[in-house]
Amino acid sequence: MFKSLALKVLHKIQHKDHKELLSGAFLALMFKGFGLVFGYLFTIVAVRELGVTDFGIFAMAQGLYQVAAMIGRMGFDSSVVKHVSQLSFKQDHARIKEVYNKGLKVVLLAGTVTVLFFFLGADVLATYAFGKENLTGAFQIMALAVLPSIILFYNSGALRGLKKIGHFSALVNFANFFLATILLLILPKFLAIERMLEVVFAIGVTLAALYSFIPWIRHSKFREHRPSSELKTKDLIDTSLPMLFSGTLVTLNGWTDTLILGAMVSEDEVGIFRVLLRVSSVANVVLFAVNSISAPKFAQLKDANDTKGLQRYVTQSTKLIVFSTLPILLLIAVFYGPILSLFGDAFEPELYVWAVVLLCSGQLFNAFCGSGGMLLIMTGHQKANQNIILISFAINIVANLILIPYYGLFGAAFANMIGLVLRNLLYVLYTNKRMQINTIYNPLNHLKKTLSKIP
């Protein structure tokens, strides 16, 4: 019996799509793992050396930075994946260069305008939106990191379209926090900087952005081809704008609880919540890794009108997400106390256990529902994805505004779970009804099918 099952597993892995999925996901997962390690190390050093208050200020500044960077990218970091993937499949390097050049000009212009608004409006945001004048300096420093972040994500998206998943994941997940952590360990020994966390983060983003040009130029054969002149910039913008709106909403969804917390509670409580969220979000690493390789594959299968192949690929990716996420959540449950103790005395495990339970529950549901959002984006359903995110975002805001005044960070954790569950339910319902694609994984159905095939 076991020999029969083993042979079936090997046969499946030999399928080209499955091998591509596993190998690509492994690279993305590896660099995402490295990024998580240095992200945790950055957080541990920051909280232990500078205190949870400084980390809370950094978290609020980082939230605004993420939103500003997403707006400045104008959705081009996502649309370039689709365009480059389709053109790469056709070996049309001249069109790839054209798409890249025109997109880069747009994001540089949009990014510069975004930086100016963020930098000049930092005092207004700190004083009137958060009621904390001491946040102005942190906001201004993080504003300077927005344009490098835009370049980093745009170049990474282009590499992702070429299926250079290792480079993409290393740049997006690993490089920034690796560099920031090294700087955080070294700079305080030589310089006394008031806003050290924001400074090292901004320097890390800038260095990673500059490096991102090197793998792109090499792998795109940039110097070997002249760009064609067939594509209008307006066509690129029309494709990217729906992704801008949905991408901004996703970013706001991820930071709404933190930003509303920052406006209602102390910097200390914001810092503690961000650490708890980081602990639970480690389970999201597999979903990101699988999405990294699945995104261009979704676009290619849709372009080929291969519905059966698309369903097969979606099913395999969701199963991989589920079976890889469960052990991670189990480890968090078993070693919850020791993990929190790494961040210092401010984190007493018994005080925050229910917040972690709520946050991890949302991540578990997210895993079982698979890559619904990425599937919609890559198959021409950007408008539906945008509407789903808008609905869940509105509910998330309402939940945060209702729960945080009464329950503080526990209310933010509950609102976070509500937003994740609602968004994923809407993805599952839409893909089933409109695309006839099932993204959710039902372990009972899988068990029945497996048992029925055993001789």
Protein backbone atom coordinates (compact mmCIF):
# COMPACT_ATOMS: atom_id res chain seq x y z
CA MET A 1 0.00 0.00 0.00
CA PHE A 2 2.72 2.48 1.01
CA LYS A 3 4.77 1.59 -2.04
CA SER A 4 1.76 2.33 -4.25
CA LEU A 5 1.24 5.74 -2.61
CA ALA A 6 4.93 6.60 -2.93
CA LEU A 7 4.91 5.80 -6.63
CA LYS A 8 1.88 8.04 -7.14
CA VAL A 9 3.61 10.94 -5.35
CA LEU A 10 6.75 10.52 -7.49
CA HIS A 11 4.63 10.37 -10.65
CA LYS A 12 2.92 13.63 -9.71
CA ILE A 13 6.19 15.38 -8.98
CA GLN A 14 7.45 14.35 -12.42
CA HIS A 15 4.63 16.36 -14.01
CA LYS A 16 6.18 19.53 -15.42
CA ASP A 17 3.72 21.91 -13.74
CA HIS A 18 4.20 20.28 -10.34
CA LYS A 19 7.99 20.30 -10.62
CA GLU A 20 7.90 23.97 -11.59
CA LEU A 21 5.57 24.77 -8.71
CA LEU A 22 7.69 22.93 -6.15
CA SER A 23 11.06 24.20 -7.34
CA GLY A 24 9.89 27.80 -7.66
CA ALA A 25 8.05 27.72 -4.35
CA PHE A 26 11.14 26.28 -2.66
CA LEU A 27 13.30 29.22 -3.80
CA ALA A 28 10.68 31.76 -2.79
CA LEU A 29 10.15 30.00 0.53
CA MET A 30 13.88 29.87 1.22
CA PHE A 31 14.39 33.62 0.76
CA LYS A 32 11.12 34.40 2.52
CA GLY A 33 12.45 32.31 5.40
CA PHE A 34 15.75 34.22 5.40
CA GLY A 35 13.76 37.44 5.32
CA LEU A 36 11.66 36.33 8.26
CA VAL A 37 14.77 35.43 10.25
CA PHE A 38 16.28 38.88 9.72
CA GLY A 39 12.89 40.55 10.16
CA TYR A 40 12.58 38.85 13.54
CA LEU A 41 16.18 39.68 14.39
CA PHE A 42 15.57 43.32 13.45
CA THR A 43 12.48 43.39 15.68
CA ILE A 44 14.23 41.67 18.59
CA VAL A 45 17.23 44.01 18.48
CA ALA A 46 14.99 47.05 18.04
CA VAL A 47 12.71 46.22 20.97
CA ARG A 48 15.48 45.06 23.31
CA GLU A 49 17.92 47.89 22.57
CA LEU A 50 15.64 50.84 21.80
CA GLY A 51 12.44 49.85 23.60
CA VAL A 52 8.89 48.98 22.63
CA THR A 53 7.94 52.68 22.40
CA ASP A 54 10.46 53.39 19.65
CA PHE A 55 9.35 50.23 17.88
CA GLY A 56 5.72 51.37 18.10
CA ILE A 57 6.65 54.71 16.50
CA PHE A 58 8.55 52.86 13.77
CA ALA A 59 5.53 50.59 13.18
CA MET A 60 3.21 53.55 12.60
CA ALA A 61 5.73 55.23 10.29
CA GLN A 62 6.21 51.97 8.44
CA GLY A 63 2.46 51.65 7.95
CA LEU A 64 2.24 55.04 6.24
CA TYR A 65 5.39 54.27 4.24
CA GLN A 66 3.83 51.03 2.95
CA VAL A 67 0.66 52.83 1.86
CA ALA A 68 2.59 55.66 0.19
CA ALA A 69 4.89 53.21 -1.64
CA MET A 70 1.91 51.20 -2.87
CA ILE A 71 0.24 54.34 -4.23
CA GLY A 72 3.47 55.45 -5.90
CA ARG A 73 3.90 52.10 -7.66
CA MET A 74 0.47 52.65 -9.30
CA GLY A 75 -0.05 48.90 -9.64
CA PHE A 76 2.86 48.61 -12.09
CA ASP A 77 4.73 46.16 -9.85
CA SER A 78 1.83 43.72 -10.41
CA SER A 79 0.98 44.50 -14.04
CA VAL A 80 4.62 44.19 -15.10
CA VAL A 81 4.52 40.56 -13.90
CA LYS A 82 1.65 39.81 -16.26
CA HIS A 83 3.09 41.66 -19.27
CA VAL A 84 6.65 40.36 -18.90
CA SER A 85 5.43 36.80 -18.26
CA GLN A 86 3.35 36.72 -21.43
CA LEU A 87 6.08 38.33 -23.55
CA SER A 88 8.77 36.10 -22.06
CA PHE A 89 6.73 33.05 -23.06
CA LYS A 90 6.87 34.39 -26.64
CA GLN A 91 10.58 35.30 -26.35
CA ASP A 92 9.73 38.89 -27.33
CA HIS A 93 12.61 40.69 -25.60
CA ALA A 94 12.15 43.94 -27.52
CA ARG A 95 8.60 44.30 -26.19
CA ILE A 96 9.77 43.36 -22.69
CA LYS A 97 12.26 46.22 -22.77
CA GLU A 98 9.56 48.59 -24.04
CA VAL A 99 7.12 47.61 -21.29
CA TYR A 100 9.81 47.97 -18.63
CA ASN A 101 11.10 51.37 -19.80
CA LYS A 102 7.68 52.96 -20.13
CA GLY A 103 6.51 51.57 -16.81
CA LEU A 104 9.65 52.77 -15.03
CA LYS A 105 9.15 56.35 -16.26
CA VAL A 106 5.59 56.38 -14.91
CA VAL A 107 6.47 54.98 -11.46
CA LEU A 108 9.43 57.35 -11.05
CA LEU A 109 7.19 60.35 -11.73
CA ALA A 110 4.34 59.07 -9.55
CA GLY A 111 6.80 58.09 -6.82
CA THR A 112 8.40 61.53 -6.69
CA VAL A 113 5.02 63.22 -6.31
CA THR A 114 4.04 60.73 -3.56
CA VAL A 115 7.27 61.35 -1.64
CA LEU A 116 6.72 65.12 -1.71
CA PHE A 117 3.17 64.78 -0.36
CA PHE A 118 4.23 62.36 2.37
CA PHE A 119 7.30 64.39 3.43
CA LEU A 120 5.61 67.80 3.42
CA GLY A 121 2.47 66.45 5.08
CA ALA A 122 4.30 64.54 7.83
CA ASP A 123 3.64 67.20 10.49
CA VAL A 124 -0.06 67.37 9.68
CA LEU A 125 -0.40 63.58 9.81
CA ALA A 126 1.47 63.31 13.10
CA THR A 127 -0.38 66.15 14.81
CA TYR A 128 -3.94 65.82 13.55
CA ALA A 129 -4.35 62.19 12.43
CA PHE A 130 -2.44 60.56 15.31
CA GLY A 131 -2.36 63.33 17.90
CA LYS A 132 1.37 62.73 18.47
CA GLU A 133 3.76 65.50 17.35
CA ASN A 134 6.77 63.30 18.13
CA LEU A 135 5.97 61.18 15.06
CA THR A 136 6.88 63.91 12.53
CA GLY A 137 10.59 63.06 12.27
CA ALA A 138 9.91 59.34 11.85
CA PHE A 139 7.33 60.02 9.12
CA GLN A 140 9.73 62.29 7.19
CA ILE A 141 12.59 59.78 7.26
CA MET A 142 10.33 56.98 6.07
CA ALA A 143 9.01 59.27 3.31
CA LEU A 144 12.54 59.36 1.88
CA ALA A 145 12.47 55.56 1.60
CA VAL A 146 9.33 55.54 -0.57
CA LEU A 147 10.96 56.13 -3.98
CA PRO A 148 13.67 53.46 -3.47
CA SER A 149 10.93 51.06 -2.37
CA ILE A 150 8.97 51.75 -5.57
CA ILE A 151 12.04 50.99 -7.70
CA LEU A 152 12.79 47.84 -5.70
CA PHE A 153 9.30 46.40 -6.10
CA TYR A 154 9.02 47.36 -9.76
CA ASN A 155 12.30 45.66 -10.66
CA SER A 156 11.38 42.66 -8.52
CA GLY A 157 8.03 42.35 -10.29
CA ALA A 158 9.77 42.40 -13.67
CA LEU A 159 12.11 39.61 -12.51
CA ARG A 160 9.11 37.68 -11.27
CA GLY A 161 7.59 37.88 -14.75
CA LEU A 162 10.78 36.28 -16.09
CA LYS A 163 10.27 33.50 -13.49
CA LYS A 164 13.46 34.53 -11.70
CA ILE A 165 11.74 33.69 -8.44
CA GLY A 166 14.94 33.46 -6.42
CA HIS A 167 15.95 37.02 -7.32
CA PHE A 168 12.40 38.29 -6.86
CA SER A 169 12.00 36.77 -3.41
CA ALA A 170 15.51 37.71 -2.28
CA LEU A 171 14.93 41.35 -3.20
CA VAL A 172 11.40 41.68 -1.81
CA ASN A 173 11.77 39.59 1.34
CA PHE A 174 15.41 39.29 2.26
CA ALA A 175 17.61 42.17 1.10
CA ASN A 176 15.93 45.06 2.91
CA PHE A 177 15.72 43.58 6.41
CA PHE A 178 19.10 41.88 6.03
CA LEU A 179 20.77 45.21 5.32
CA ALA A 180 18.71 47.08 7.94
CA THR A 181 19.57 44.50 10.60
CA ILE A 182 23.29 44.65 9.86
CA LEU A 183 23.16 48.45 10.04
CA LEU A 184 21.15 48.32 13.28
CA LEU A 185 23.79 46.09 14.86
CA ILE A 186 26.69 48.33 13.73
CA LEU A 187 25.62 51.99 13.49
CA PRO A 188 24.58 52.57 17.15
CA LYS A 189 28.13 51.69 18.20
CA PHE A 190 29.49 54.69 16.25
CA LEU A 191 26.61 57.15 15.90
CA ALA A 192 23.92 58.48 18.23
CA ILE A 193 20.89 58.99 15.96
CA GLU A 194 17.51 59.86 17.46
CA ARG A 195 15.41 57.96 14.93
CA MET A 196 17.77 55.04 14.40
CA LEU A 197 15.16 52.47 13.30
CA GLU A 198 13.78 54.64 10.53
CA VAL A 199 17.29 55.63 9.33
CA VAL A 200 18.64 52.07 9.02
CA PHE A 201 15.41 50.91 7.35
CA ALA A 202 15.58 53.71 4.76
CA ILE A 203 19.24 52.99 4.01
CA GLY A 204 18.48 49.27 3.64
CA VAL A 205 15.67 49.92 1.13
CA THR A 206 17.87 52.27 -0.89
CA LEU A 207 20.77 49.82 -1.15
CA ALA A 208 18.44 46.97 -2.13
CA ALA A 209 16.81 49.17 -4.82
CA LEU A 210 20.15 50.05 -6.36
CA TYR A 211 21.19 46.41 -6.45
CA SER A 212 17.89 45.32 -8.07
CA PHE A 213 18.94 46.78 -11.42
CA ILE A 214 21.83 44.30 -11.72
CA PRO A 215 19.87 41.00 -11.99
CA TRP A 216 17.18 42.64 -14.12
CA ILE A 217 19.65 43.93 -16.72
CA ARG A 218 21.39 40.56 -16.83
CA HIS A 219 18.37 38.25 -17.08
CA SER A 220 16.22 40.43 -19.36
CA LYS A 221 19.02 40.70 -21.94
CA PHE A 222 18.43 44.42 -21.61
CA ARG A 223 21.53 45.49 -23.51
CA GLU A 224 21.02 43.08 -26.38
CA HIS A 225 17.72 44.44 -27.67
CA ARG A 226 16.21 47.74 -28.67
CA PRO A 227 12.74 48.49 -27.33
CA SER A 228 9.91 48.33 -29.85
CA SER A 229 7.49 51.24 -30.18
CA GLU A 230 4.20 49.36 -30.47
CA LEU A 231 2.87 49.88 -26.96
CA LYS A 232 1.23 53.05 -25.68
CA THR A 233 1.90 54.16 -22.12
CA LYS A 234 -1.85 54.68 -21.71
CA ASP A 235 -2.42 50.95 -22.30
CA LEU A 236 -0.03 50.11 -19.47
CA ILE A 237 -1.71 52.59 -17.16
CA ASP A 238 -5.17 51.21 -18.00
CA THR A 239 -3.96 47.72 -17.04
CA SER A 240 -2.24 48.89 -13.87
CA LEU A 241 -4.81 51.23 -12.31
CA PRO A 242 -7.20 48.49 -11.14
CA MET A 243 -4.18 46.80 -9.52
CA LEU A 244 -3.23 50.11 -7.89
CA PHE A 245 -6.60 50.40 -6.23
CA SER A 246 -6.75 46.78 -5.09
CA GLY A 247 -3.08 46.78 -4.05
CA THR A 248 -3.56 49.94 -1.97
CA LEU A 249 -6.62 48.42 -0.33
CA VAL A 250 -4.67 45.23 0.48
CA THR A 251 -1.90 47.32 2.04
CA LEU A 252 -4.40 49.38 4.01
CA ASN A 253 -6.08 46.16 5.12
CA GLY A 254 -2.75 44.95 6.46
CA TRP A 255 -2.02 48.19 8.32
CA THR A 256 -5.49 49.48 9.26
CA ASP A 257 -5.43 47.89 12.70
CA THR A 258 -1.96 49.29 13.42
CA LEU A 259 -2.79 52.81 12.22
CA ILE A 260 -6.11 52.96 14.09
CA LEU A 261 -4.39 51.60 17.19
CA GLY A 262 -1.79 54.34 16.81
CA ALA A 263 -4.51 56.99 16.83
CA MET A 264 -6.25 55.53 19.90
CA VAL A 265 -3.65 53.96 22.20
CA SER A 266 -0.04 54.45 23.28
CA GLU A 267 3.02 53.74 21.16
CA ASP A 268 3.86 50.88 23.54
CA GLU A 269 0.64 49.01 22.77
CA VAL A 270 1.16 49.54 19.04
CA GLY A 271 4.65 48.07 19.32
CA ILE A 272 3.40 45.02 21.22
CA PHE A 273 0.62 44.42 18.68
CA ARG A 274 3.03 44.57 15.74
CA VAL A 275 5.25 41.98 17.39
CA LEU A 276 2.26 39.65 17.98
CA LEU A 277 1.16 40.15 14.38
CA ARG A 278 4.67 39.36 13.16
CA VAL A 279 4.67 36.13 15.18
CA SER A 280 1.38 34.95 13.71
CA SER A 281 2.14 36.11 10.18
CA VAL A 282 5.06 33.70 9.88
CA ALA A 283 2.38 31.20 8.80
CA ASN A 284 1.74 33.38 5.75
CA VAL A 285 5.21 32.64 4.37
CA VAL A 286 4.06 29.59 2.41
CA LEU A 287 1.18 31.43 0.74
CA PHE A 288 3.58 34.12 -0.40
CA ALA A 289 6.11 31.58 -1.66
CA VAL A 290 3.53 29.65 -3.69
CA ASN A 291 2.00 32.88 -5.06
CA SER A 292 5.45 33.95 -6.22
CA ILE A 293 5.66 31.11 -8.72
CA SER A 294 1.92 30.71 -9.33
CA ALA A 295 1.26 34.28 -10.50
CA PRO A 296 2.90 34.01 -13.95
CA LYS A 297 1.64 30.43 -14.33
CA PHE A 298 -1.97 31.52 -13.72
CA ALA A 299 -1.59 34.13 -16.48
CA GLN A 300 -0.08 31.64 -18.94
CA LEU A 301 -2.74 28.96 -18.37
CA LYS A 302 -5.51 31.54 -18.72
CA ASP A 303 -3.91 32.90 -21.90
CA ALA A 304 -3.83 29.33 -23.28
CA ASN A 305 -7.51 28.86 -22.29
CA ASP A 306 -6.54 25.69 -20.38
CA THR A 307 -9.27 25.57 -17.73
CA LYS A 308 -8.53 22.00 -16.66
CA GLY A 309 -4.85 22.76 -16.35
CA LEU A 310 -5.63 25.88 -14.34
CA GLN A 311 -7.88 23.95 -11.92
CA ARG A 312 -5.21 21.27 -11.52
CA TYR A 313 -2.55 23.88 -10.81
CA VAL A 314 -4.78 25.76 -8.33
CA THR A 315 -5.58 22.53 -6.48
CA GLN A 316 -1.94 21.54 -6.19
CA SER A 317 -0.89 24.99 -4.99
CA THR A 318 -3.61 25.11 -2.30
CA LYS A 319 -2.69 21.65 -1.02
CA LEU A 320 0.95 22.71 -0.81
CA ILE A 321 -0.03 25.85 1.11
CA VAL A 322 -2.17 23.93 3.62
CA PHE A 323 0.25 21.09 4.34
CA SER A 324 3.13 23.53 4.77
CA THR A 325 1.24 26.06 6.91
CA LEU A 326 -0.16 23.59 9.46
CA PRO A 327 3.25 22.60 10.92
CA ILE A 328 4.21 26.27 11.24
CA LEU A 329 1.05 27.09 13.22
CA LEU A 330 1.63 24.02 15.38
CA LEU A 331 5.13 25.21 16.21
CA ILE A 332 3.78 28.65 17.16
CA ALA A 333 1.22 27.01 19.48
CA VAL A 334 3.81 24.77 21.16
CA PHE A 335 6.59 27.36 21.51
CA TYR A 336 4.42 30.45 21.95
CA GLY A 337 5.93 31.37 25.33
CA PRO A 338 9.61 31.03 24.38
CA ILE A 339 9.02 32.92 21.13
CA LEU A 340 7.51 35.94 22.89
CA SER A 341 10.22 35.91 25.56
CA LEU A 342 12.77 36.66 22.83
CA PHE A 343 11.34 40.18 22.53
CA GLY A 344 11.93 41.13 26.17
CA ASP A 345 10.11 41.52 29.48
CA ALA A 346 7.26 43.60 28.03
CA PHE A 347 5.86 40.46 26.39
CA GLU A 348 4.29 38.26 29.05
CA PRO A 349 2.84 35.24 27.17
CA GLU A 350 -0.20 34.76 29.41
CA LEU A 351 -1.37 38.33 28.74
CA TYR A 352 -1.54 38.01 24.97
CA VAL A 353 -2.44 34.39 24.28
CA TRP A 354 -5.93 35.18 22.97
CA ALA A 355 -4.62 37.85 20.62
CA VAL A 356 -2.23 35.32 19.09
CA VAL A 357 -5.03 32.69 18.85
CA LEU A 358 -7.22 35.14 16.92
CA LEU A 359 -4.41 36.20 14.59
CA CYS A 360 -3.33 32.60 13.87
CA SER A 361 -6.93 31.52 13.23
CA GLY A 362 -7.20 34.09 10.47
CA GLN A 363 -3.96 32.84 8.92
CA LEU A 364 -5.17 29.22 9.02
CA PHE A 365 -8.40 30.08 7.21
CA ASN A 366 -6.36 32.08 4.71
CA ALA A 367 -4.24 29.00 3.94
CA PHE A 368 -7.21 26.69 3.33
CA CYS A 369 -8.71 29.15 0.84
CA GLY A 370 -5.59 29.23 -1.36
CA SER A 371 -4.49 31.92 -3.81
CA GLY A 372 -7.87 33.44 -4.68
CA GLY A 373 -6.71 37.04 -4.93
CA MET A 374 -3.67 36.28 -7.06
CA LEU A 375 -5.78 34.05 -9.31
CA LEU A 376 -8.22 36.89 -10.01
CA ILE A 377 -5.46 39.44 -10.66
CA MET A 378 -3.59 37.21 -13.10
CA THR A 379 -6.64 36.02 -15.07
CA GLY A 380 -8.27 39.33 -15.95
CA HIS A 381 -10.63 39.65 -12.96
CA GLN A 382 -8.92 42.68 -11.43
CA LYS A 383 -12.23 44.52 -11.01
CA ALA A 384 -13.75 41.67 -9.00
CA ASN A 385 -10.61 41.47 -6.85
CA GLN A 386 -10.83 45.20 -6.28
CA ASN A 387 -14.48 45.00 -5.19
CA ILE A 388 -13.84 42.08 -2.83
CA ILE A 389 -10.97 43.90 -1.16
CA LEU A 390 -13.03 47.09 -0.91
CA ILE A 391 -15.84 45.25 0.89
CA SER A 392 -13.51 43.49 3.32
CA PHE A 393 -11.57 46.72 3.89
CA ALA A 394 -14.74 48.61 4.81
CA ILE A 395 -15.75 45.85 7.23
CA ASN A 396 -12.22 45.83 8.68
CA ILE A 397 -12.33 49.57 9.38
CA VAL A 398 -15.72 49.31 11.07
CA ALA A 399 -14.59 46.33 13.15
CA ASN A 400 -11.44 48.15 14.26
CA LEU A 401 -13.32 51.34 15.15
CA ILE A 402 -15.85 49.37 17.20
CA LEU A 403 -13.51 46.90 18.92
CA ILE A 404 -10.30 48.85 19.60
CA PRO A 405 -11.82 51.47 21.97
CA TYR A 406 -13.08 48.65 24.22
CA TYR A 407 -10.46 45.94 23.83
CA GLY A 408 -7.30 47.67 22.59
CA LEU A 409 -4.90 45.35 20.79
CA PHE A 410 -7.22 42.37 21.37
CA GLY A 411 -9.90 44.22 19.42
CA ALA A 412 -7.40 44.86 16.64
CA ALA A 413 -6.53 41.14 16.55
CA PHE A 414 -10.22 40.17 16.31
CA ALA A 415 -10.81 42.74 13.54
CA ASN A 416 -7.77 41.38 11.69
CA MET A 417 -9.24 37.86 11.76
CA ILE A 418 -12.67 39.08 10.62
CA GLY A 419 -11.14 40.86 7.63
CA LEU A 420 -9.11 37.82 6.52
CA VAL A 421 -12.01 35.39 6.84
CA LEU A 422 -14.48 37.61 5.00
CA ARG A 423 -12.10 38.38 2.13
CA ASN A 424 -11.24 34.74 1.57
CA LEU A 425 -14.88 33.64 1.67
CA LEU A 426 -15.69 36.17 -1.05
CA TYR A 427 -12.77 34.90 -3.15
CA VAL A 428 -13.98 31.31 -2.89
CA LEU A 429 -17.56 32.22 -3.79
CA TYR A 430 -16.53 34.33 -6.80
CA THR A 431 -14.03 31.88 -8.31
CA ASN A 432 -16.53 29.03 -7.98
CA LYS A 433 -19.45 30.91 -9.51
CA ARG A 434 -17.76 33.03 -12.21
CA MET A 435 -14.70 30.99 -13.15
CA GLN A 436 -15.79 27.46 -12.23
CA ILE A 437 -12.49 27.15 -10.33
CA ASN A 438 -12.42 25.83 -6.78
CA THR A 439 -9.60 27.32 -4.70
CA ILE A 440 -10.55 26.00 -1.26
CA TYR A 441 -9.05 22.77 0.06
CA ASN A 442 -11.39 20.29 1.75
CA PRO A 443 -9.31 17.67 3.61
CA LEU A 444 -12.29 15.33 3.96
CA ASN A 445 -12.81 15.14 0.20
CA HIS A 446 -9.10 14.57 -0.30
CA LEU A 447 -9.13 11.77 2.30
CA LYS A 448 -12.10 10.07 0.64
CA LYS A 449 -10.44 10.15 -2.79
CA THR A 450 -7.17 8.83 -1.39
CA LEU A 451 -8.83 5.95 0.45
CA SER A 452 -10.93 5.01 -2.58
CA LYS A 453 -7.75 4.56 -4.67
CA ILE A 454 -6.01 2.29 -2.16
CA PRO A 455 -6.24 -1.35 -3.37
